[in-house]
Amino acid sequence: MIKAFASILILFYSVAVAGCRNDSDSKTIAENKTYAGIQGDENKAPDFTLKNVAGENVRLSDFKGKVVIVDFWATWCGPCRKGIPDLISLQNEYKNKIAVIGISVDQENTKRGVPDFVKQMGINYPILYFNEKVVNDFGGISAIPTTFIIDQKGNIIKKMIGLYPRSEYENQLKTLIKKS
């Protein structure tokens, strides 16, 4: 319990110190083969089961066969809020070929506002609540938004830290969708 609390505290502190950075740090797997914490095949995205805002379990493996965008974000993060409309539009445009999953890193004091935030923003993709394990399995989150693009076979193709334009996501999606 103390270890879990310490890890959550470290996550919160690192996000607070790093801020929800608006600069960009993007790495493809070819550029950075070491995602600490990702188990097994080094490119494989770790499967997870998390609760959504309705209290239902959602697993990454539920979206097998689709390109998946996993976005770690929070309601209080300005760049996260600014990027959400792009994720909504991508989900609308590519709905049969991709799945966007938002993982809220909101803490207890802001977590209760997530369902209302989802409604206000018109978010059309699953919003899940993080836990220590999923953060660790994805190699840690040093700033938000942090987004992972996962191909149809479950491999992490790209990790993006910071706010990115819609076109960056779309370029990745088009490349991956063509390959299928």
C-alpha atoms as a PDB file:
ATOM      1  CA  MET A   1       0.000   0.000   0.000  1.00  0.00           C
ATOM      2  CA  ILE A   2       2.796   2.412   0.876  1.00  0.00           C
ATOM      3  CA  LYS A   3       4.606   1.503  -2.364  1.00  0.00           C
ATOM      4  CA  ALA A   4       1.428   2.157  -4.381  1.00  0.00           C
ATOM      5  CA  PHE A   5       0.919   5.496  -2.647  1.00  0.00           C
ATOM      6  CA  ALA A   6       4.567   6.441  -3.231  1.00  0.00           C
ATOM      7  CA  SER A   7       4.317   5.599  -6.946  1.00  0.00           C
ATOM      8  CA  ILE A   8       1.152   7.660  -7.329  1.00  0.00           C
ATOM      9  CA  LEU A   9       2.771  10.512  -5.420  1.00  0.00           C
ATOM     10  CA  ILE A  10       5.824  10.328  -7.713  1.00  0.00           C
ATOM     11  CA  LEU A  11       3.552  10.383 -10.781  1.00  0.00           C
ATOM     12  CA  PHE A  12       1.656  13.385  -9.455  1.00  0.00           C
ATOM     13  CA  TYR A  13       4.867  15.191  -8.510  1.00  0.00           C
ATOM     14  CA  SER A  14       6.538  14.501 -11.854  1.00  0.00           C
ATOM     15  CA  VAL A  15       3.479  15.731 -13.745  1.00  0.00           C
ATOM     16  CA  ALA A  16       3.305  18.822 -11.518  1.00  0.00           C
ATOM     17  CA  VAL A  17       7.007  19.578 -11.930  1.00  0.00           C
ATOM     18  CA  ALA A  18       7.143  18.819 -15.650  1.00  0.00           C
ATOM     19  CA  GLY A  19       3.786  20.455 -16.121  1.00  0.00           C
ATOM     20  CA  CYS A  20       1.510  19.430 -18.878  1.00  0.00           C
ATOM     21  CA  ARG A  21       4.254  20.426 -21.242  1.00  0.00           C
ATOM     22  CA  ASN A  22       3.382  21.967 -24.558  1.00  0.00           C
ATOM     23  CA  ASP A  23       6.714  21.037 -26.098  1.00  0.00           C
ATOM     24  CA  SER A  24       6.979  17.840 -28.070  1.00  0.00           C
ATOM     25  CA  ASP A  25       9.118  14.797 -27.473  1.00  0.00           C
ATOM     26  CA  SER A  26       8.265  12.005 -29.856  1.00  0.00           C
ATOM     27  CA  LYS A  27      10.047   8.723 -30.238  1.00  0.00           C
ATOM     28  CA  THR A  28       9.335   5.866 -32.549  1.00  0.00           C
ATOM     29  CA  ILE A  29      10.211   2.389 -31.368  1.00  0.00           C
ATOM     30  CA  ALA A  30      13.054   2.340 -33.898  1.00  0.00           C
ATOM     31  CA  GLU A  31      14.537   5.432 -32.250  1.00  0.00           C
ATOM     32  CA  ASN A  32      14.105   4.209 -28.699  1.00  0.00           C
ATOM     33  CA  LYS A  33      13.943   0.474 -28.109  1.00  0.00           C
ATOM     34  CA  THR A  34      13.749   0.795 -24.329  1.00  0.00           C
ATOM     35  CA  TYR A  35      10.354   1.370 -22.807  1.00  0.00           C
ATOM     36  CA  ALA A  36      11.081   0.494 -19.192  1.00  0.00           C
ATOM     37  CA  GLY A  37       8.272  -1.473 -17.678  1.00  0.00           C
ATOM     38  CA  ILE A  38       6.882  -2.968 -20.878  1.00  0.00           C
ATOM     39  CA  GLN A  39       6.980  -6.693 -20.352  1.00  0.00           C
ATOM     40  CA  GLY A  40       7.735  -9.467 -22.814  1.00  0.00           C
ATOM     41  CA  ASP A  41       8.164  -8.499 -26.442  1.00  0.00           C
ATOM     42  CA  GLU A  42       9.682  -5.030 -26.110  1.00  0.00           C
ATOM     43  CA  ASN A  43       7.296  -3.473 -28.656  1.00  0.00           C
ATOM     44  CA  LYS A  44       4.110  -5.052 -27.289  1.00  0.00           C
ATOM     45  CA  ALA A  45       1.690  -2.732 -25.580  1.00  0.00           C
ATOM     46  CA  PRO A  46       0.849  -4.002 -22.113  1.00  0.00           C
ATOM     47  CA  ASP A  47      -2.722  -5.205 -21.835  1.00  0.00           C
ATOM     48  CA  PHE A  48      -4.695  -3.647 -19.018  1.00  0.00           C
ATOM     49  CA  THR A  49      -8.120  -3.673 -17.453  1.00  0.00           C
ATOM     50  CA  LEU A  50      -9.322  -0.349 -16.082  1.00  0.00           C
ATOM     51  CA  LYS A  51     -12.667   1.082 -14.978  1.00  0.00           C
ATOM     52  CA  ASN A  52     -14.366   3.585 -17.232  1.00  0.00           C
ATOM     53  CA  VAL A  53     -16.414   6.551 -16.002  1.00  0.00           C
ATOM     54  CA  ALA A  54     -19.507   4.305 -15.834  1.00  0.00           C
ATOM     55  CA  GLY A  55     -17.666   1.829 -13.587  1.00  0.00           C
ATOM     56  CA  GLU A  56     -17.347  -0.874 -16.258  1.00  0.00           C
ATOM     57  CA  ASN A  57     -14.135  -2.765 -17.012  1.00  0.00           C
ATOM     58  CA  VAL A  58     -12.417  -1.956 -20.300  1.00  0.00           C
ATOM     59  CA  ARG A  59      -9.407  -3.879 -21.589  1.00  0.00           C
ATOM     60  CA  LEU A  60      -6.917  -2.809 -24.208  1.00  0.00           C
ATOM     61  CA  SER A  61      -7.368  -6.234 -25.799  1.00  0.00           C
ATOM     62  CA  ASP A  62     -11.043  -5.327 -26.442  1.00  0.00           C
ATOM     63  CA  PHE A  63      -9.716  -3.256 -29.363  1.00  0.00           C
ATOM     64  CA  LYS A  64      -7.555  -5.946 -30.960  1.00  0.00           C
ATOM     65  CA  GLY A  65      -7.242  -5.519 -34.723  1.00  0.00           C
ATOM     66  CA  LYS A  66      -7.589  -1.720 -34.609  1.00  0.00           C
ATOM     67  CA  VAL A  67      -5.016   1.015 -34.402  1.00  0.00           C
ATOM     68  CA  VAL A  68      -5.292   2.339 -30.839  1.00  0.00           C
ATOM     69  CA  ILE A  69      -4.407   5.766 -29.527  1.00  0.00           C
ATOM     70  CA  VAL A  70      -3.885   5.622 -25.746  1.00  0.00           C
ATOM     71  CA  ASP A  71      -3.848   9.130 -24.304  1.00  0.00           C
ATOM     72  CA  PHE A  72      -2.824   9.813 -20.679  1.00  0.00           C
ATOM     73  CA  TRP A  73      -4.388  13.141 -19.655  1.00  0.00           C
ATOM     74  CA  ALA A  74      -6.099  15.095 -16.845  1.00  0.00           C
ATOM     75  CA  THR A  75      -9.009  17.522 -16.617  1.00  0.00           C
ATOM     76  CA  TRP A  76      -6.794  20.292 -15.204  1.00  0.00           C
ATOM     77  CA  CYS A  77      -4.157  20.070 -17.960  1.00  0.00           C
ATOM     78  CA  GLY A  78      -4.495  22.876 -20.520  1.00  0.00           C
ATOM     79  CA  PRO A  79      -2.675  21.122 -23.397  1.00  0.00           C
ATOM     80  CA  CYS A  80      -4.699  17.955 -22.691  1.00  0.00           C
ATOM     81  CA  ARG A  81      -7.942  19.925 -22.923  1.00  0.00           C
ATOM     82  CA  LYS A  82      -6.771  21.599 -26.125  1.00  0.00           C
ATOM     83  CA  GLY A  83      -5.973  18.238 -27.766  1.00  0.00           C
ATOM     84  CA  ILE A  84      -9.246  16.480 -26.924  1.00  0.00           C
ATOM     85  CA  PRO A  85     -11.244  17.913 -29.879  1.00  0.00           C
ATOM     86  CA  ASP A  86      -8.643  16.451 -32.256  1.00  0.00           C
ATOM     87  CA  LEU A  87      -9.007  13.020 -30.661  1.00  0.00           C
ATOM     88  CA  ILE A  88     -12.801  13.316 -30.882  1.00  0.00           C
ATOM     89  CA  SER A  89     -12.603  14.152 -34.598  1.00  0.00           C
ATOM     90  CA  LEU A  90     -10.150  11.323 -35.290  1.00  0.00           C
ATOM     91  CA  GLN A  91     -12.467   8.869 -33.515  1.00  0.00           C
ATOM     92  CA  ASN A  92     -15.368  10.128 -35.665  1.00  0.00           C
ATOM     93  CA  GLU A  93     -13.496  10.012 -38.942  1.00  0.00           C
ATOM     94  CA  TYR A  94     -11.736   6.667 -38.497  1.00  0.00           C
ATOM     95  CA  LYS A  95     -14.225   4.960 -36.154  1.00  0.00           C
ATOM     96  CA  ASN A  96     -14.173   1.589 -37.921  1.00  0.00           C
ATOM     97  CA  LYS A  97     -10.382   1.386 -38.077  1.00  0.00           C
ATOM     98  CA  ILE A  98      -9.138   3.017 -34.860  1.00  0.00           C
ATOM     99  CA  ALA A  99      -9.977   3.317 -31.195  1.00  0.00           C
ATOM    100  CA  VAL A 100      -9.036   6.232 -29.004  1.00  0.00           C
ATOM    101  CA  ILE A 101      -8.745   5.499 -25.281  1.00  0.00           C
ATOM    102  CA  GLY A 102      -8.282   8.286 -22.761  1.00  0.00           C
ATOM    103  CA  ILE A 103      -6.704   7.367 -19.430  1.00  0.00           C
ATOM    104  CA  SER A 104      -7.353  10.036 -16.822  1.00  0.00           C
ATOM    105  CA  VAL A 105      -4.569  10.576 -14.313  1.00  0.00           C
ATOM    106  CA  ASP A 106      -6.799  12.821 -12.218  1.00  0.00           C
ATOM    107  CA  GLN A 107      -6.305  12.310  -8.486  1.00  0.00           C
ATOM    108  CA  GLU A 108      -9.090  11.910  -5.926  1.00  0.00           C
ATOM    109  CA  ASN A 109      -9.649  15.685  -5.602  1.00  0.00           C
ATOM    110  CA  THR A 110     -10.383  16.112  -9.345  1.00  0.00           C
ATOM    111  CA  LYS A 111     -11.398  12.563 -10.302  1.00  0.00           C
ATOM    112  CA  ARG A 112     -15.036  13.063  -9.327  1.00  0.00           C
ATOM    113  CA  GLY A 113     -15.347  15.795 -11.977  1.00  0.00           C
ATOM    114  CA  VAL A 114     -14.238  13.553 -14.845  1.00  0.00           C
ATOM    115  CA  PRO A 115     -17.726  12.279 -15.864  1.00  0.00           C
ATOM    116  CA  ASP A 116     -19.093  15.840 -16.126  1.00  0.00           C
ATOM    117  CA  PHE A 117     -15.992  16.907 -18.049  1.00  0.00           C
ATOM    118  CA  VAL A 118     -16.521  14.022 -20.511  1.00  0.00           C
ATOM    119  CA  LYS A 119     -20.117  15.164 -21.104  1.00  0.00           C
ATOM    120  CA  GLN A 120     -19.160  18.853 -21.452  1.00  0.00           C
ATOM    121  CA  MET A 121     -16.472  18.088 -24.011  1.00  0.00           C
ATOM    122  CA  GLY A 122     -18.616  15.570 -25.922  1.00  0.00           C
ATOM    123  CA  ILE A 123     -15.916  12.920 -25.668  1.00  0.00           C
ATOM    124  CA  ASN A 124     -16.906   9.977 -27.874  1.00  0.00           C
ATOM    125  CA  TYR A 125     -14.263   7.481 -26.787  1.00  0.00           C
ATOM    126  CA  PRO A 126     -13.767   5.505 -23.565  1.00  0.00           C
ATOM    127  CA  ILE A 127     -12.339   7.437 -20.634  1.00  0.00           C
ATOM    128  CA  LEU A 128     -10.678   5.196 -18.069  1.00  0.00           C
ATOM    129  CA  TYR A 129      -9.191   5.856 -14.636  1.00  0.00           C
ATOM    130  CA  PHE A 130      -5.479   5.115 -14.292  1.00  0.00           C
ATOM    131  CA  ASN A 131      -3.817   2.951 -11.678  1.00  0.00           C
ATOM    132  CA  GLU A 132      -0.180   2.551 -10.693  1.00  0.00           C
ATOM    133  CA  LYS A 133       0.232  -0.674 -12.654  1.00  0.00           C
ATOM    134  CA  VAL A 134      -0.827   0.748 -16.026  1.00  0.00           C
ATOM    135  CA  VAL A 135       1.458   3.766 -15.582  1.00  0.00           C
ATOM    136  CA  ASN A 136       4.387   1.496 -14.710  1.00  0.00           C
ATOM    137  CA  ASP A 137       3.587  -0.959 -17.504  1.00  0.00           C
ATOM    138  CA  PHE A 138       3.752   1.872 -20.042  1.00  0.00           C
ATOM    139  CA  GLY A 139       7.180   2.861 -18.725  1.00  0.00           C
ATOM    140  CA  GLY A 140       6.055   5.740 -16.544  1.00  0.00           C
ATOM    141  CA  ILE A 141       4.451   9.026 -17.480  1.00  0.00           C
ATOM    142  CA  SER A 142       6.680  12.077 -16.955  1.00  0.00           C
ATOM    143  CA  ALA A 143       4.303  14.696 -18.376  1.00  0.00           C
ATOM    144  CA  ILE A 144       0.828  14.894 -19.821  1.00  0.00           C
ATOM    145  CA  PRO A 145      -0.501  14.532 -22.331  1.00  0.00           C
ATOM    146  CA  THR A 146       1.485  11.405 -23.124  1.00  0.00           C
ATOM    147  CA  THR A 147       0.105   9.403 -26.004  1.00  0.00           C
ATOM    148  CA  PHE A 148       0.951   5.974 -27.381  1.00  0.00           C
ATOM    149  CA  ILE A 149       0.042   4.836 -30.876  1.00  0.00           C
ATOM    150  CA  ILE A 150      -0.441   1.085 -31.053  1.00  0.00           C
ATOM    151  CA  ASP A 151      -0.750  -0.852 -34.305  1.00  0.00           C
ATOM    152  CA  GLN A 152      -3.301  -3.537 -35.168  1.00  0.00           C
ATOM    153  CA  LYS A 153      -0.993  -6.259 -33.824  1.00  0.00           C
ATOM    154  CA  GLY A 154      -0.648  -4.606 -30.416  1.00  0.00           C
ATOM    155  CA  ASN A 155       2.809  -3.086 -30.923  1.00  0.00           C
ATOM    156  CA  ILE A 156       3.651   0.383 -29.644  1.00  0.00           C
ATOM    157  CA  ILE A 157       4.681   2.341 -32.717  1.00  0.00           C
ATOM    158  CA  LYS A 158       5.128   5.780 -31.226  1.00  0.00           C
ATOM    159  CA  LYS A 159       5.219   7.560 -27.869  1.00  0.00           C
ATOM    160  CA  MET A 160       4.372  11.258 -27.979  1.00  0.00           C
ATOM    161  CA  ILE A 161       4.892  13.569 -25.014  1.00  0.00           C
ATOM    162  CA  GLY A 162       3.161  16.921 -25.156  1.00  0.00           C
ATOM    163  CA  LEU A 163       0.511  18.459 -27.378  1.00  0.00           C
ATOM    164  CA  TYR A 164       0.621  17.448 -31.035  1.00  0.00           C
ATOM    165  CA  PRO A 165      -1.398  18.701 -33.984  1.00  0.00           C
ATOM    166  CA  ARG A 166      -4.113  16.477 -35.426  1.00  0.00           C
ATOM    167  CA  SER A 167      -2.020  16.073 -38.588  1.00  0.00           C
ATOM    168  CA  GLU A 168       0.707  14.211 -36.652  1.00  0.00           C
ATOM    169  CA  TYR A 169      -1.823  11.618 -35.468  1.00  0.00           C
ATOM    170  CA  GLU A 170      -3.401  11.416 -38.890  1.00  0.00           C
ATOM    171  CA  ASN A 171      -0.058  10.776 -40.611  1.00  0.00           C
ATOM    172  CA  GLN A 172       0.604   7.870 -38.248  1.00  0.00           C
ATOM    173  CA  LEU A 173      -2.933   6.512 -38.667  1.00  0.00           C
ATOM    174  CA  LYS A 174      -2.868   6.650 -42.455  1.00  0.00           C
ATOM    175  CA  THR A 175       0.464   4.818 -42.551  1.00  0.00           C
ATOM    176  CA  LEU A 176      -0.778   2.079 -40.216  1.00  0.00           C
ATOM    177  CA  ILE A 177      -4.179   1.710 -41.874  1.00  0.00           C
ATOM    178  CA  LYS A 178      -2.508   1.338 -45.318  1.00  0.00           C
ATOM    179  CA  LYS A 179      -0.404  -1.538 -43.986  1.00  0.00           C
ATOM    180  CA  SER A 180      -3.437  -3.561 -42.935  1.00  0.00           C
END
